Each structure stands twice: as C-alpha cells, then as structure tokens.
Amino acid sequence: MRFHTRKWVKPEDLNANETLFGGRVLAWIDEEAALYSIIQLENKKVVTKYMSEINFTSTAKKGDIVEIGIEVVKFGKSSLTLNCEVRNKMTRETIVTVDNIIMVNLGDNGKPKPHGKKKVEYVRDRLGSTDD
C-alpha cells in the first residue's frame, strides 16, 4: 500500500473526547479516494458509490501526524475498487481501515462511463521518457 497524504491533527479535528473525530477522518478518506481515482482514471468526474465496513482500531490526538494509504483492489468496467488504511505516521499504528471503496467514473452526462483501465498506472509512465 502506498501512503500518499499526511494530515496534522489539529484542535478542529477533535471530538468531545479530545481524540480524532471519526467523521473528519472519513472525510479525509473520501477525498483521498477521489483524488487517487481522478488521477488513475484521468477523469475529474468521479464519485464515491460505496464504502464497506469501516473499522476503527485506534485513535489519534492533537499534534499527531496521520497518513492515508490507498491501493487498488479491482478495476471494473466503469469503477475502481480501492482499500484504505489510515495510520499514525510516527508509531505506524493503524487508526482505521476500509476494505472496499467503490469509485465510479462518470461521463459528461453524469452517467457511469467505461474507463478502459486494467492496471495501476503511474503519472511518470504516462509522461514518457525525456532521455534522448
């Protein structure tokens, strides 16, 4: 799994228990899944269709740095299935996991559109070599 994004837990991210608010981390996960899918599918029109069971296994406190990891589970015809782990950057302790996040590729009409992708692609590979 590749960890793409780091977040610094600030006072506005806390719940009444002074720990990371679950709704905040879920918003971070949804945004990360969308960004990953937009880049992977090369289309800005991508929406979240489904999130499987969300498993909170620990928490974070103010000042902690958390990182969000995403990996592809499956390419569908017009969808991309991901899984996600959020962990404490310093301790590597898992905070939350989501086994399946389904993102759907949309066309200009707002309907699911086949994306034609079969495997993970990296931007550096799309750009081609600059060696002459």
C-alpha atoms as a PDB file:
ATOM      1  CA  MET A   1       0.000   0.000   0.000  1.00  0.00           C
ATOM      2  CA  ARG A   2       1.248   3.479  -0.850  1.00  0.00           C
ATOM      3  CA  PHE A   3       0.686   6.273   1.635  1.00  0.00           C
ATOM      4  CA  HIS A   4       0.062   9.423  -0.380  1.00  0.00           C
ATOM      5  CA  THR A   5      -1.182  12.025   2.076  1.00  0.00           C
ATOM      6  CA  ARG A   6      -0.341  13.202   5.555  1.00  0.00           C
ATOM      7  CA  LYS A   7      -2.615  15.154   7.848  1.00  0.00           C
ATOM      8  CA  TRP A   8      -1.717  17.005  11.024  1.00  0.00           C
ATOM      9  CA  VAL A   9      -4.381  16.501  13.705  1.00  0.00           C
ATOM     10  CA  LYS A  10      -5.425  19.996  14.807  1.00  0.00           C
ATOM     11  CA  PRO A  11      -7.881  21.156  17.510  1.00  0.00           C
ATOM     12  CA  GLU A  12     -10.721  21.490  14.974  1.00  0.00           C
ATOM     13  CA  ASP A  13     -10.282  17.777  14.083  1.00  0.00           C
ATOM     14  CA  LEU A  14     -11.096  16.570  17.613  1.00  0.00           C
ATOM     15  CA  ASN A  15     -14.281  15.240  19.165  1.00  0.00           C
ATOM     16  CA  ALA A  16     -15.583  15.879  22.710  1.00  0.00           C
ATOM     17  CA  ASN A  17     -13.212  13.153  23.942  1.00  0.00           C
ATOM     18  CA  GLU A  18     -10.205  15.171  22.671  1.00  0.00           C
ATOM     19  CA  THR A  19      -9.377  12.491  20.080  1.00  0.00           C
ATOM     20  CA  LEU A  20      -9.629  12.483  16.286  1.00  0.00           C
ATOM     21  CA  PHE A  21     -13.283  12.800  15.213  1.00  0.00           C
ATOM     22  CA  GLY A  22     -14.350   9.807  13.105  1.00  0.00           C
ATOM     23  CA  GLY A  23     -16.310  11.988  10.691  1.00  0.00           C
ATOM     24  CA  ARG A  24     -13.203  14.062   9.987  1.00  0.00           C
ATOM     25  CA  VAL A  25     -11.076  11.021   9.137  1.00  0.00           C
ATOM     26  CA  LEU A  26     -13.848   9.637   6.921  1.00  0.00           C
ATOM     27  CA  ALA A  27     -13.933  12.935   5.001  1.00  0.00           C
ATOM     28  CA  TRP A  28     -10.149  12.690   4.556  1.00  0.00           C
ATOM     29  CA  ILE A  29     -10.515   9.108   3.274  1.00  0.00           C
ATOM     30  CA  ASP A  30     -13.265  10.078   0.815  1.00  0.00           C
ATOM     31  CA  GLU A  31     -11.202  12.964  -0.527  1.00  0.00           C
ATOM     32  CA  GLU A  32      -8.082  10.801  -0.859  1.00  0.00           C
ATOM     33  CA  ALA A  33     -10.036   8.065  -2.687  1.00  0.00           C
ATOM     34  CA  ALA A  34     -11.475  10.671  -5.066  1.00  0.00           C
ATOM     35  CA  LEU A  35      -8.086  12.260  -5.788  1.00  0.00           C
ATOM     36  CA  TYR A  36      -6.466   8.872  -6.343  1.00  0.00           C
ATOM     37  CA  SER A  37      -9.270   7.790  -8.689  1.00  0.00           C
ATOM     38  CA  ILE A  38      -9.266  11.044 -10.666  1.00  0.00           C
ATOM     39  CA  ILE A  39      -5.548  10.673 -11.313  1.00  0.00           C
ATOM     40  CA  GLN A  40      -5.758   6.945 -12.031  1.00  0.00           C
ATOM     41  CA  LEU A  41      -8.760   7.193 -14.371  1.00  0.00           C
ATOM     42  CA  GLU A  42      -7.698  10.532 -15.895  1.00  0.00           C
ATOM     43  CA  ASN A  43     -11.153  11.999 -15.393  1.00  0.00           C
ATOM     44  CA  LYS A  44     -12.285  14.739 -12.987  1.00  0.00           C
ATOM     45  CA  LYS A  45     -15.810  13.315 -12.894  1.00  0.00           C
ATOM     46  CA  VAL A  46     -15.515  10.514 -10.343  1.00  0.00           C
ATOM     47  CA  VAL A  47     -17.928   9.840  -7.473  1.00  0.00           C
ATOM     48  CA  THR A  48     -17.991   7.622  -4.401  1.00  0.00           C
ATOM     49  CA  LYS A  49     -20.577   4.842  -4.808  1.00  0.00           C
ATOM     50  CA  TYR A  50     -19.873   2.630  -1.803  1.00  0.00           C
ATOM     51  CA  MET A  51     -17.785   2.262   1.342  1.00  0.00           C
ATOM     52  CA  SER A  52     -17.690  -1.101   3.077  1.00  0.00           C
ATOM     53  CA  GLU A  53     -17.419  -1.663   6.797  1.00  0.00           C
ATOM     54  CA  ILE A  54     -15.213   0.918   8.459  1.00  0.00           C
ATOM     55  CA  ASN A  55     -13.035  -0.469  11.236  1.00  0.00           C
ATOM     56  CA  PHE A  56     -11.664   1.995  13.807  1.00  0.00           C
ATOM     57  CA  THR A  57      -8.876   0.242  15.709  1.00  0.00           C
ATOM     58  CA  SER A  58      -7.186   3.164  17.488  1.00  0.00           C
ATOM     59  CA  THR A  59      -7.276   6.939  17.539  1.00  0.00           C
ATOM     60  CA  ALA A  60      -5.078   9.986  17.225  1.00  0.00           C
ATOM     61  CA  LYS A  61      -4.645  13.044  19.406  1.00  0.00           C
ATOM     62  CA  LYS A  62      -3.948  16.709  18.772  1.00  0.00           C
ATOM     63  CA  GLY A  63      -0.499  17.117  17.239  1.00  0.00           C
ATOM     64  CA  ASP A  64      -0.310  13.604  15.802  1.00  0.00           C
ATOM     65  CA  ILE A  65       0.503  13.180  12.132  1.00  0.00           C
ATOM     66  CA  VAL A  66      -1.583  10.616  10.305  1.00  0.00           C
ATOM     67  CA  GLU A  67      -1.048   9.241   6.823  1.00  0.00           C
ATOM     68  CA  ILE A  68      -3.582   7.854   4.390  1.00  0.00           C
ATOM     69  CA  GLY A  69      -2.803   4.846   2.230  1.00  0.00           C
ATOM     70  CA  ILE A  70      -4.766   3.709  -0.808  1.00  0.00           C
ATOM     71  CA  GLU A  71      -4.402   0.664  -3.037  1.00  0.00           C
ATOM     72  CA  VAL A  72      -6.402  -0.719  -5.931  1.00  0.00           C
ATOM     73  CA  VAL A  73      -8.313  -3.926  -5.270  1.00  0.00           C
ATOM     74  CA  LYS A  74     -10.023  -4.207  -8.665  1.00  0.00           C
ATOM     75  CA  PHE A  75     -10.747  -2.416 -11.921  1.00  0.00           C
ATOM     76  CA  GLY A  76     -14.367  -2.675 -13.041  1.00  0.00           C
ATOM     77  CA  LYS A  77     -15.848  -1.558 -16.346  1.00  0.00           C
ATOM     78  CA  SER A  78     -16.682   1.946 -15.089  1.00  0.00           C
ATOM     79  CA  SER A  79     -15.479   1.641 -11.495  1.00  0.00           C
ATOM     80  CA  LEU A  80     -12.381   1.336  -9.387  1.00  0.00           C
ATOM     81  CA  THR A  81     -12.393  -0.556  -6.086  1.00  0.00           C
ATOM     82  CA  LEU A  82      -9.886   0.626  -3.500  1.00  0.00           C
ATOM     83  CA  ASN A  83      -8.940  -0.199   0.035  1.00  0.00           C
ATOM     84  CA  CYS A  84      -7.614   2.265   2.560  1.00  0.00           C
ATOM     85  CA  GLU A  85      -5.618   2.391   5.767  1.00  0.00           C
ATOM     86  CA  VAL A  86      -5.083   5.440   7.941  1.00  0.00           C
ATOM     87  CA  ARG A  87      -2.216   5.150  10.395  1.00  0.00           C
ATOM     88  CA  ASN A  88      -0.192   7.216  12.820  1.00  0.00           C
ATOM     89  CA  LYS A  89       2.908   8.338  10.937  1.00  0.00           C
ATOM     90  CA  MET A  90       5.228   8.135  13.935  1.00  0.00           C
ATOM     91  CA  THR A  91       4.053   4.883  15.572  1.00  0.00           C
ATOM     92  CA  ARG A  92       2.727   3.160  12.399  1.00  0.00           C
ATOM     93  CA  GLU A  93      -0.313   2.122  14.476  1.00  0.00           C
ATOM     94  CA  THR A  94      -3.424   1.639  12.321  1.00  0.00           C
ATOM     95  CA  ILE A  95      -6.219   4.063  13.147  1.00  0.00           C
ATOM     96  CA  VAL A  96      -8.876   2.944  10.660  1.00  0.00           C
ATOM     97  CA  THR A  97      -9.267   0.592   7.690  1.00  0.00           C
ATOM     98  CA  VAL A  98     -11.833   0.462   4.907  1.00  0.00           C
ATOM     99  CA  ASP A  99     -11.729  -2.748   2.863  1.00  0.00           C
ATOM    100  CA  ASN A 100     -13.701  -1.577  -0.176  1.00  0.00           C
ATOM    101  CA  ILE A 101     -14.335   1.868  -1.545  1.00  0.00           C
ATOM    102  CA  ILE A 102     -16.004   1.848  -4.957  1.00  0.00           C
ATOM    103  CA  MET A 103     -15.429   4.922  -7.093  1.00  0.00           C
ATOM    104  CA  VAL A 104     -17.385   5.348 -10.334  1.00  0.00           C
ATOM    105  CA  ASN A 105     -16.111   7.058 -13.485  1.00  0.00           C
ATOM    106  CA  LEU A 106     -18.738   9.386 -14.996  1.00  0.00           C
ATOM    107  CA  GLY A 107     -19.246  10.809 -18.466  1.00  0.00           C
ATOM    108  CA  ASP A 108     -20.366  14.337 -19.303  1.00  0.00           C
ATOM    109  CA  ASN A 109     -24.000  13.234 -18.903  1.00  0.00           C
ATOM    110  CA  GLY A 110     -23.387  12.207 -15.263  1.00  0.00           C
ATOM    111  CA  LYS A 111     -23.871   8.502 -16.021  1.00  0.00           C
ATOM    112  CA  PRO A 112     -21.265   5.748 -15.456  1.00  0.00           C
ATOM    113  CA  LYS A 113     -18.773   5.666 -18.309  1.00  0.00           C
ATOM    114  CA  PRO A 114     -16.295   2.845 -19.121  1.00  0.00           C
ATOM    115  CA  HIS A 115     -12.749   3.946 -18.363  1.00  0.00           C
ATOM    116  CA  GLY A 116     -10.794   1.276 -20.252  1.00  0.00           C
ATOM    117  CA  LYS A 117      -8.190   0.855 -17.493  1.00  0.00           C
ATOM    118  CA  LYS A 118      -6.942  -2.600 -16.483  1.00  0.00           C
ATOM    119  CA  LYS A 119      -3.976  -1.878 -14.193  1.00  0.00           C
ATOM    120  CA  VAL A 120      -2.464   0.798 -11.985  1.00  0.00           C
ATOM    121  CA  GLU A 121      -0.684   3.461 -13.999  1.00  0.00           C
ATOM    122  CA  TYR A 122       1.794   5.974 -12.671  1.00  0.00           C
ATOM    123  CA  VAL A 123       1.900   9.552 -13.980  1.00  0.00           C
ATOM    124  CA  ARG A 124       5.658   9.265 -14.616  1.00  0.00           C
ATOM    125  CA  ASP A 125       4.962   6.388 -17.032  1.00  0.00           C
ATOM    126  CA  ARG A 126       2.281   8.366 -18.893  1.00  0.00           C
ATOM    127  CA  LEU A 127       4.638  11.275 -19.451  1.00  0.00           C
ATOM    128  CA  GLY A 128       7.184   9.116 -21.275  1.00  0.00           C
ATOM    129  CA  SER A 129      10.927   9.319 -21.116  1.00  0.00           C
ATOM    130  CA  THR A 130      12.715  12.628 -21.562  1.00  0.00           C
ATOM    131  CA  ASP A 131      16.017  10.866 -22.311  1.00  0.00           C
ATOM    132  CA  ASP A 132      17.284  11.489 -25.838  1.00  0.00           C
END
